[in-house]
Amino acid sequence: VADAVKQYAVDLVNATREAPDIRLGASPRATLQLI
């Protein structure tokens, strides 16, 4: 897993925590399991 792909995974999960339509975003466990 290249660094660019890891960063994309982090950005994707972090976007769920900042989205206005989401009250509870995905956890760091979700990032690990996504990878």
PDB file of all heavy atoms in Angstrom:
ATOM      1  N   VAL A   1       0.864  -1.177   0.000  1.00  0.00           N
ATOM      2  CA  VAL A   1       0.000   0.000   0.000  1.00  0.00           C
ATOM      3  C   VAL A   1       0.903   1.229   0.000  1.00  0.00           C
ATOM      4  O   VAL A   1       1.636   1.458   0.974  1.00  0.00           O
ATOM      5  CB  VAL A   1      -0.943   0.032   1.215  1.00  0.00           C
ATOM      6  CG1 VAL A   1      -1.889   1.226   1.114  1.00  0.00           C
ATOM      7  CG2 VAL A   1      -1.738  -1.260   1.329  1.00  0.00           C
ATOM      8  N   ALA A   2       0.870   1.997  -1.071  1.00  0.00           N
ATOM      9  CA  ALA A   2       1.717   3.176  -1.180  1.00  0.00           C
ATOM     10  C   ALA A   2       1.227   4.282  -0.256  1.00  0.00           C
ATOM     11  O   ALA A   2       0.070   4.297   0.166  1.00  0.00           O
ATOM     12  CB  ALA A   2       1.744   3.666  -2.630  1.00  0.00           C
ATOM     13  N   ASP A   3       2.124   5.209   0.047  1.00  0.00           N
ATOM     14  CA  ASP A   3       1.778   6.321   0.933  1.00  0.00           C
ATOM     15  C   ASP A   3       0.618   7.146   0.387  1.00  0.00           C
ATOM     16  O   ASP A   3      -0.230   7.623   1.141  1.00  0.00           O
ATOM     17  CB  ASP A   3       2.999   7.213   1.149  1.00  0.00           C
ATOM     18  CG  ASP A   3       4.076   6.526   1.978  1.00  0.00           C
ATOM     19  OD1 ASP A   3       3.744   5.533   2.667  1.00  0.00           O
ATOM     20  OD2 ASP A   3       5.244   6.968   1.931  1.00  0.00           O
ATOM     21  N   ALA A   4       0.584   7.332  -0.952  1.00  0.00           N
ATOM     22  CA  ALA A   4      -0.493   8.121  -1.551  1.00  0.00           C
ATOM     23  C   ALA A   4      -1.848   7.463  -1.335  1.00  0.00           C
ATOM     24  O   ALA A   4      -2.862   8.141  -1.120  1.00  0.00           O
ATOM     25  CB  ALA A   4      -0.231   8.319  -3.044  1.00  0.00           C
ATOM     26  N   VAL A   5      -1.871   6.133  -1.389  1.00  0.00           N
ATOM     27  CA  VAL A   5      -3.124   5.396  -1.179  1.00  0.00           C
ATOM     28  C   VAL A   5      -3.528   5.449   0.290  1.00  0.00           C
ATOM     29  O   VAL A   5      -4.715   5.598   0.621  1.00  0.00           O
ATOM     30  CB  VAL A   5      -2.979   3.947  -1.670  1.00  0.00           C
ATOM     31  CG1 VAL A   5      -4.258   3.151  -1.411  1.00  0.00           C
ATOM     32  CG2 VAL A   5      -2.643   3.909  -3.152  1.00  0.00           C
ATOM     33  N   LYS A   6      -2.556   5.343   1.186  1.00  0.00           N
ATOM     34  CA  LYS A   6      -2.862   5.461   2.617  1.00  0.00           C
ATOM     35  C   LYS A   6      -3.446   6.836   2.926  1.00  0.00           C
ATOM     36  O   LYS A   6      -4.418   6.951   3.685  1.00  0.00           O
ATOM     37  CB  LYS A   6      -1.597   5.229   3.440  1.00  0.00           C
ATOM     38  CG  LYS A   6      -1.047   3.813   3.380  1.00  0.00           C
ATOM     39  CD  LYS A   6       0.254   3.711   4.165  1.00  0.00           C
ATOM     40  CE  LYS A   6       0.873   2.330   4.045  1.00  0.00           C
ATOM     41  NZ  LYS A   6       2.190   2.245   4.727  1.00  0.00           N
ATOM     42  N   GLN A   7      -2.858   7.869   2.333  1.00  0.00           N
ATOM     43  CA  GLN A   7      -3.359   9.210   2.569  1.00  0.00           C
ATOM     44  C   GLN A   7      -4.775   9.369   2.041  1.00  0.00           C
ATOM     45  O   GLN A   7      -5.617  10.028   2.666  1.00  0.00           O
ATOM     46  CB  GLN A   7      -2.439  10.241   1.901  1.00  0.00           C
ATOM     47  CG  GLN A   7      -2.804  11.691   2.190  1.00  0.00           C
ATOM     48  CD  GLN A   7      -2.716  12.029   3.659  1.00  0.00           C
ATOM     49  OE1 GLN A   7      -1.681  11.817   4.296  1.00  0.00           O
ATOM     50  NE2 GLN A   7      -3.813  12.535   4.237  1.00  0.00           N
ATOM     51  N   TYR A   8      -5.060   8.755   0.893  1.00  0.00           N
ATOM     52  CA  TYR A   8      -6.411   8.817   0.330  1.00  0.00           C
ATOM     53  C   TYR A   8      -7.410   8.133   1.262  1.00  0.00           C
ATOM     54  O   TYR A   8      -8.530   8.613   1.454  1.00  0.00           O
ATOM     55  CB  TYR A   8      -6.434   8.165  -1.051  1.00  0.00           C
ATOM     56  CG  TYR A   8      -7.785   8.218  -1.718  1.00  0.00           C
ATOM     57  CD1 TYR A   8      -8.350   9.424  -2.111  1.00  0.00           C
ATOM     58  CD2 TYR A   8      -8.494   7.048  -1.969  1.00  0.00           C
ATOM     59  CE1 TYR A   8      -9.594   9.476  -2.725  1.00  0.00           C
ATOM     60  CE2 TYR A   8      -9.741   7.083  -2.585  1.00  0.00           C
ATOM     61  CZ  TYR A   8     -10.281   8.301  -2.962  1.00  0.00           C
ATOM     62  OH  TYR A   8     -11.525   8.345  -3.558  1.00  0.00           O
ATOM     63  N   ALA A   9      -7.006   7.004   1.866  1.00  0.00           N
ATOM     64  CA  ALA A   9      -7.891   6.308   2.806  1.00  0.00           C
ATOM     65  C   ALA A   9      -8.177   7.185   4.024  1.00  0.00           C
ATOM     66  O   ALA A   9      -9.323   7.279   4.488  1.00  0.00           O
ATOM     67  CB  ALA A   9      -7.256   4.987   3.239  1.00  0.00           C
ATOM     68  N   VAL A  10      -7.134   7.841   4.546  1.00  0.00           N
ATOM     69  CA  VAL A  10      -7.315   8.730   5.700  1.00  0.00           C
ATOM     70  C   VAL A  10      -8.229   9.897   5.335  1.00  0.00           C
ATOM     71  O   VAL A  10      -9.127  10.270   6.098  1.00  0.00           O
ATOM     72  CB  VAL A  10      -5.953   9.242   6.202  1.00  0.00           C
ATOM     73  CG1 VAL A  10      -6.136  10.334   7.251  1.00  0.00           C
ATOM     74  CG2 VAL A  10      -5.138   8.084   6.783  1.00  0.00           C
ATOM     75  N   ASP A  11      -8.015  10.478   4.143  1.00  0.00           N
ATOM     76  CA  ASP A  11      -8.850  11.602   3.704  1.00  0.00           C
ATOM     77  C   ASP A  11     -10.306  11.182   3.551  1.00  0.00           C
ATOM     78  O   ASP A  11     -11.227  11.931   3.896  1.00  0.00           O
ATOM     79  CB  ASP A  11      -8.327  12.165   2.380  1.00  0.00           C
ATOM     80  CG  ASP A  11      -6.964  12.844   2.525  1.00  0.00           C
ATOM     81  OD1 ASP A  11      -6.586  13.153   3.669  1.00  0.00           O
ATOM     82  OD2 ASP A  11      -6.294  13.037   1.493  1.00  0.00           O
ATOM     83  N   LEU A  12     -10.512   9.979   3.024  1.00  0.00           N
ATOM     84  CA  LEU A  12     -11.871   9.493   2.802  1.00  0.00           C
ATOM     85  C   LEU A  12     -12.604   9.294   4.129  1.00  0.00           C
ATOM     86  O   LEU A  12     -13.763   9.716   4.281  1.00  0.00           O
ATOM     87  CB  LEU A  12     -11.822   8.180   2.017  1.00  0.00           C
ATOM     88  CG  LEU A  12     -13.155   7.536   1.624  1.00  0.00           C
ATOM     89  CD1 LEU A  12     -13.999   8.493   0.795  1.00  0.00           C
ATOM     90  CD2 LEU A  12     -12.907   6.238   0.853  1.00  0.00           C
ATOM     91  N   VAL A  13     -11.939   8.672   5.084  1.00  0.00           N
ATOM     92  CA  VAL A  13     -12.571   8.449   6.386  1.00  0.00           C
ATOM     93  C   VAL A  13     -12.765   9.770   7.125  1.00  0.00           C
ATOM     94  O   VAL A  13     -13.799  10.005   7.765  1.00  0.00           O
ATOM     95  CB  VAL A  13     -11.737   7.460   7.222  1.00  0.00           C
ATOM     96  CG1 VAL A  13     -12.303   7.343   8.637  1.00  0.00           C
ATOM     97  CG2 VAL A  13     -11.711   6.090   6.556  1.00  0.00           C
ATOM     98  N   ASN A  14     -11.772  10.646   7.030  1.00  0.00           N
ATOM     99  CA  ASN A  14     -11.883  11.938   7.703  1.00  0.00           C
ATOM    100  C   ASN A  14     -13.027  12.773   7.134  1.00  0.00           C
ATOM    101  O   ASN A  14     -13.660  13.559   7.848  1.00  0.00           O
ATOM    102  CB  ASN A  14     -10.564  12.701   7.581  1.00  0.00           C
ATOM    103  CG  ASN A  14     -10.521  13.915   8.488  1.00  0.00           C
ATOM    104  OD1 ASN A  14     -10.674  13.813   9.697  1.00  0.00           O
ATOM    105  ND2 ASN A  14     -10.335  15.084   7.900  1.00  0.00           N
ATOM    106  N   ALA A  15     -13.316  12.594   5.843  1.00  0.00           N
ATOM    107  CA  ALA A  15     -14.417  13.329   5.224  1.00  0.00           C
ATOM    108  C   ALA A  15     -15.754  12.955   5.853  1.00  0.00           C
ATOM    109  O   ALA A  15     -16.674  13.785   5.919  1.00  0.00           O
ATOM    110  CB  ALA A  15     -14.441  13.064   3.720  1.00  0.00           C
ATOM    111  N   THR A  16     -15.881  11.701   6.346  1.00  0.00           N
ATOM    112  CA  THR A  16     -17.136  11.303   6.998  1.00  0.00           C
ATOM    113  C   THR A  16     -17.309  12.009   8.334  1.00  0.00           C
ATOM    114  O   THR A  16     -18.429  12.156   8.819  1.00  0.00           O
ATOM    115  CB  THR A  16     -17.183   9.779   7.223  1.00  0.00           C
ATOM    116  OG1 THR A  16     -16.188   9.396   8.189  1.00  0.00           O
ATOM    117  CG2 THR A  16     -16.931   9.025   5.922  1.00  0.00           C
ATOM    118  N   ARG A  17     -16.194  12.435   8.949  1.00  0.00           N
ATOM    119  CA  ARG A  17     -16.279  13.114  10.241  1.00  0.00           C
ATOM    120  C   ARG A  17     -16.597  14.593  10.083  1.00  0.00           C
ATOM    121  O   ARG A  17     -16.993  15.247  11.057  1.00  0.00           O
ATOM    122  CB  ARG A  17     -14.952  12.939  10.995  1.00  0.00           C
ATOM    123  CG  ARG A  17     -14.555  11.481  11.212  1.00  0.00           C
ATOM    124  CD  ARG A  17     -13.114  11.352  11.626  1.00  0.00           C
ATOM    125  NE  ARG A  17     -12.680   9.947  11.631  1.00  0.00           N
ATOM    126  CZ  ARG A  17     -11.416   9.557  11.622  1.00  0.00           C
ATOM    127  NH1 ARG A  17     -10.448  10.475  11.610  1.00  0.00           N
ATOM    128  NH2 ARG A  17     -11.110   8.273  11.617  1.00  0.00           N
ATOM    129  N   GLU A  18     -16.394  15.134   8.895  1.00  0.00           N
ATOM    130  CA  GLU A  18     -16.607  16.560   8.667  1.00  0.00           C
ATOM    131  C   GLU A  18     -17.837  16.848   7.817  1.00  0.00           C
ATOM    132  O   GLU A  18     -18.216  18.005   7.675  1.00  0.00           O
ATOM    133  CB  GLU A  18     -15.372  17.149   7.985  1.00  0.00           C
ATOM    134  CG  GLU A  18     -14.088  17.006   8.817  1.00  0.00           C
ATOM    135  CD  GLU A  18     -12.868  17.506   8.075  1.00  0.00           C
ATOM    136  OE1 GLU A  18     -12.990  17.777   6.846  1.00  0.00           O
ATOM    137  OE2 GLU A  18     -11.789  17.629   8.696  1.00  0.00           O
ATOM    138  N   ALA A  19     -18.453  15.820   7.262  1.00  0.00           N
ATOM    139  CA  ALA A  19     -19.605  16.027   6.383  1.00  0.00           C
ATOM    140  C   ALA A  19     -20.784  16.584   7.185  1.00  0.00           C
ATOM    141  O   ALA A  19     -21.085  16.098   8.291  1.00  0.00           O
ATOM    142  CB  ALA A  19     -20.002  14.720   5.712  1.00  0.00           C
ATOM    143  N   PRO A  20     -21.478  17.590   6.669  1.00  0.00           N
ATOM    144  CA  PRO A  20     -22.598  18.194   7.415  1.00  0.00           C
ATOM    145  C   PRO A  20     -23.776  17.262   7.601  1.00  0.00           C
ATOM    146  O   PRO A  20     -24.586  17.468   8.511  1.00  0.00           O
ATOM    147  CB  PRO A  20     -22.973  19.406   6.552  1.00  0.00           C
ATOM    148  CG  PRO A  20     -22.454  19.090   5.191  1.00  0.00           C
ATOM    149  CD  PRO A  20     -21.227  18.279   5.388  1.00  0.00           C
ATOM    150  N   ASP A  21     -23.902  16.230   6.756  1.00  0.00           N
ATOM    151  CA  ASP A  21     -25.031  15.307   6.864  1.00  0.00           C
ATOM    152  C   ASP A  21     -24.763  14.148   7.824  1.00  0.00           C
ATOM    153  O   ASP A  21     -25.643  13.300   8.008  1.00  0.00           O
ATOM    154  CB  ASP A  21     -25.377  14.743   5.484  1.00  0.00           C
ATOM    155  CG  ASP A  21     -26.051  15.764   4.595  1.00  0.00           C
ATOM    156  OD1 ASP A  21     -26.628  16.730   5.145  1.00  0.00           O
ATOM    157  OD2 ASP A  21     -25.994  15.627   3.361  1.00  0.00           O
ATOM    158  N   ILE A  22     -23.558  14.085   8.403  1.00  0.00           N
ATOM    159  CA  ILE A  22     -23.190  12.947   9.249  1.00  0.00           C
ATOM    160  C   ILE A  22     -22.968  13.421  10.681  1.00  0.00           C
ATOM    161  O   ILE A  22     -22.186  14.336  10.934  1.00  0.00           O
ATOM    162  CB  ILE A  22     -21.921  12.254   8.709  1.00  0.00           C
ATOM    163  CG1 ILE A  22     -22.178  11.698   7.301  1.00  0.00           C
ATOM    164  CG2 ILE A  22     -21.496  11.127   9.641  1.00  0.00           C
ATOM    165  CD1 ILE A  22     -20.970  11.053   6.668  1.00  0.00           C
ATOM    166  N   ARG A  23     -23.696  12.775  11.617  1.00  0.00           N
ATOM    167  CA  ARG A  23     -23.562  13.119  13.036  1.00  0.00           C
ATOM    168  C   ARG A  23     -22.398  12.386  13.675  1.00  0.00           C
ATOM    169  O   ARG A  23     -21.701  12.936  14.527  1.00  0.00           O
ATOM    170  CB  ARG A  23     -24.868  12.773  13.767  1.00  0.00           C
ATOM    171  CG  ARG A  23     -24.838  13.023  15.262  1.00  0.00           C
ATOM    172  CD  ARG A  23     -26.251  13.037  15.831  1.00  0.00           C
ATOM    173  NE  ARG A  23     -26.963  11.784  15.570  1.00  0.00           N
ATOM    174  CZ  ARG A  23     -26.967  10.750  16.404  1.00  0.00           C
ATOM    175  NH1 ARG A  23     -26.289  10.797  17.536  1.00  0.00           N
ATOM    176  NH2 ARG A  23     -27.672   9.668  16.115  1.00  0.00           N
ATOM    177  N   LEU A  24     -22.176  11.134  13.293  1.00  0.00           N
ATOM    178  CA  LEU A  24     -21.061  10.345  13.805  1.00  0.00           C
ATOM    179  C   LEU A  24     -20.303   9.761  12.626  1.00  0.00           C
ATOM    180  O   LEU A  24     -20.844   8.965  11.857  1.00  0.00           O
ATOM    181  CB  LEU A  24     -21.560   9.220  14.718  1.00  0.00           C
ATOM    182  CG  LEU A  24     -20.489   8.270  15.268  1.00  0.00           C
ATOM    183  CD1 LEU A  24     -19.548   9.030  16.211  1.00  0.00           C
ATOM    184  CD2 LEU A  24     -21.119   7.095  15.987  1.00  0.00           C
ATOM    185  N   GLY A  25     -19.031  10.154  12.476  1.00  0.00           N
ATOM    186  CA  GLY A  25     -18.218   9.673  11.373  1.00  0.00           C
ATOM    187  C   GLY A  25     -17.576   8.329  11.682  1.00  0.00           C
ATOM    188  O   GLY A  25     -17.719   7.770  12.771  1.00  0.00           O
ATOM    189  N   ALA A  26     -16.840   7.829  10.688  1.00  0.00           N
ATOM    190  CA  ALA A  26     -16.181   6.530  10.833  1.00  0.00           C
ATOM    191  C   ALA A  26     -14.983   6.634  11.769  1.00  0.00           C
ATOM    192  O   ALA A  26     -14.341   7.674  11.875  1.00  0.00           O
ATOM    193  CB  ALA A  26     -15.747   6.014   9.460  1.00  0.00           C
ATOM    194  N   SER A  27     -14.657   5.533  12.418  1.00  0.00           N
ATOM    195  CA  SER A  27     -13.606   5.490  13.422  1.00  0.00           C
ATOM    196  C   SER A  27     -12.255   5.155  12.785  1.00  0.00           C
ATOM    197  O   SER A  27     -12.193   4.717  11.629  1.00  0.00           O
ATOM    198  CB  SER A  27     -13.935   4.424  14.467  1.00  0.00           C
ATOM    199  OG  SER A  27     -13.904   3.134  13.860  1.00  0.00           O
ATOM    200  N   PRO A  28     -11.160   5.321  13.531  1.00  0.00           N
ATOM    201  CA  PRO A  28      -9.857   4.871  13.024  1.00  0.00           C
ATOM    202  C   PRO A  28      -9.834   3.375  12.707  1.00  0.00           C
ATOM    203  O   PRO A  28      -9.113   2.943  11.819  1.00  0.00           O
ATOM    204  CB  PRO A  28      -8.899   5.212  14.182  1.00  0.00           C
ATOM    205  CG  PRO A  28      -9.546   6.355  14.883  1.00  0.00           C
ATOM    206  CD  PRO A  28     -11.029   6.091  14.794  1.00  0.00           C
ATOM    207  N   ARG A  29     -10.633   2.587  13.446  1.00  0.00           N
ATOM    208  CA  ARG A  29     -10.734   1.166  13.112  1.00  0.00           C
ATOM    209  C   ARG A  29     -11.242   0.983  11.690  1.00  0.00           C
ATOM    210  O   ARG A  29     -10.821   0.062  10.980  1.00  0.00           O
ATOM    211  CB  ARG A  29     -11.668   0.451  14.097  1.00  0.00           C
ATOM    212  CG  ARG A  29     -11.771  -1.047  13.852  1.00  0.00           C
ATOM    213  CD  ARG A  29     -12.884  -1.686  14.640  1.00  0.00           C
ATOM    214  NE  ARG A  29     -12.541  -1.811  16.046  1.00  0.00           N
ATOM    215  CZ  ARG A  29     -13.251  -1.287  17.033  1.00  0.00           C
ATOM    216  NH1 ARG A  29     -14.342  -0.584  16.764  1.00  0.00           N
ATOM    217  NH2 ARG A  29     -12.885  -1.442  18.285  1.00  0.00           N
ATOM    218  N   ALA A  30     -12.139   1.866  11.263  1.00  0.00           N
ATOM    219  CA  ALA A  30     -12.658   1.788   9.901  1.00  0.00           C
ATOM    220  C   ALA A  30     -11.551   2.011   8.872  1.00  0.00           C
ATOM    221  O   ALA A  30     -11.523   1.347   7.825  1.00  0.00           O
ATOM    222  CB  ALA A  30     -13.771   2.823   9.710  1.00  0.00           C
ATOM    223  N   THR A  31     -10.634   2.933   9.150  1.00  0.00           N
ATOM    224  CA  THR A  31      -9.525   3.168   8.230  1.00  0.00           C
ATOM    225  C   THR A  31      -8.660   1.921   8.094  1.00  0.00           C
ATOM    226  O   THR A  31      -8.271   1.532   6.987  1.00  0.00           O
ATOM    227  CB  THR A  31      -8.660   4.348   8.734  1.00  0.00           C
ATOM    228  OG1 THR A  31      -9.493   5.429   9.117  1.00  0.00           O
ATOM    229  CG2 THR A  31      -7.705   4.812   7.651  1.00  0.00           C
ATOM    230  N   LEU A  32      -8.361   1.291   9.228  1.00  0.00           N
ATOM    231  CA  LEU A  32      -7.554   0.072   9.195  1.00  0.00           C
ATOM    232  C   LEU A  32      -8.241  -1.028   8.399  1.00  0.00           C
ATOM    233  O   LEU A  32      -7.610  -1.695   7.560  1.00  0.00           O
ATOM    234  CB  LEU A  32      -7.291  -0.412  10.627  1.00  0.00           C
ATOM    235  CG  LEU A  32      -6.329   0.421  11.473  1.00  0.00           C
ATOM    236  CD1 LEU A  32      -6.353  -0.063  12.920  1.00  0.00           C
ATOM    237  CD2 LEU A  32      -4.921   0.337  10.918  1.00  0.00           C
ATOM    238  N   GLN A  33      -9.527  -1.211   8.629  1.00  0.00           N
ATOM    239  CA  GLN A  33     -10.223  -2.294   7.951  1.00  0.00           C
ATOM    240  C   GLN A  33     -10.455  -1.988   6.479  1.00  0.00           C
ATOM    241  O   GLN A  33     -10.525  -2.902   5.649  1.00  0.00           O
ATOM    242  CB  GLN A  33     -11.534  -2.591   8.683  1.00  0.00           C
ATOM    243  CG  GLN A  33     -11.294  -3.112  10.097  1.00  0.00           C
ATOM    244  CD  GLN A  33     -12.545  -3.610  10.780  1.00  0.00           C
ATOM    245  OE1 GLN A  33     -13.657  -3.368  10.329  1.00  0.00           O
ATOM    246  NE2 GLN A  33     -12.367  -4.309  11.888  1.00  0.00           N
ATOM    247  N   LEU A  34     -10.551  -0.715   6.137  1.00  0.00           N
ATOM    248  CA  LEU A  34     -10.647  -0.339   4.734  1.00  0.00           C
ATOM    249  C   LEU A  34      -9.376  -0.735   3.994  1.00  0.00           C
ATOM    250  O   LEU A  34      -9.433  -1.295   2.886  1.00  0.00           O
ATOM    251  CB  LEU A  34     -10.899   1.168   4.616  1.00  0.00           C
ATOM    252  CG  LEU A  34     -11.071   1.737   3.200  1.00  0.00           C
ATOM    253  CD1 LEU A  34     -12.288   1.116   2.513  1.00  0.00           C
ATOM    254  CD2 LEU A  34     -11.206   3.254   3.256  1.00  0.00           C
ATOM    255  N   ILE A  35      -8.217  -0.468   4.595  1.00  0.00           N
ATOM    256  CA  ILE A  35      -6.940  -0.829   3.975  1.00  0.00           C
ATOM    257  C   ILE A  35      -6.766  -2.343   3.914  1.00  0.00           C
ATOM    258  O   ILE A  35      -6.336  -2.903   2.897  1.00  0.00           O
ATOM    259  CB  ILE A  35      -5.773  -0.176   4.740  1.00  0.00           C
ATOM    260  CG1 ILE A  35      -5.744   1.332   4.494  1.00  0.00           C
ATOM    261  CG2 ILE A  35      -4.437  -0.794   4.322  1.00  0.00           C
ATOM    262  CD1 ILE A  35      -5.428   1.728   3.059  1.00  0.00           C
TER     263      ILE A  35
END
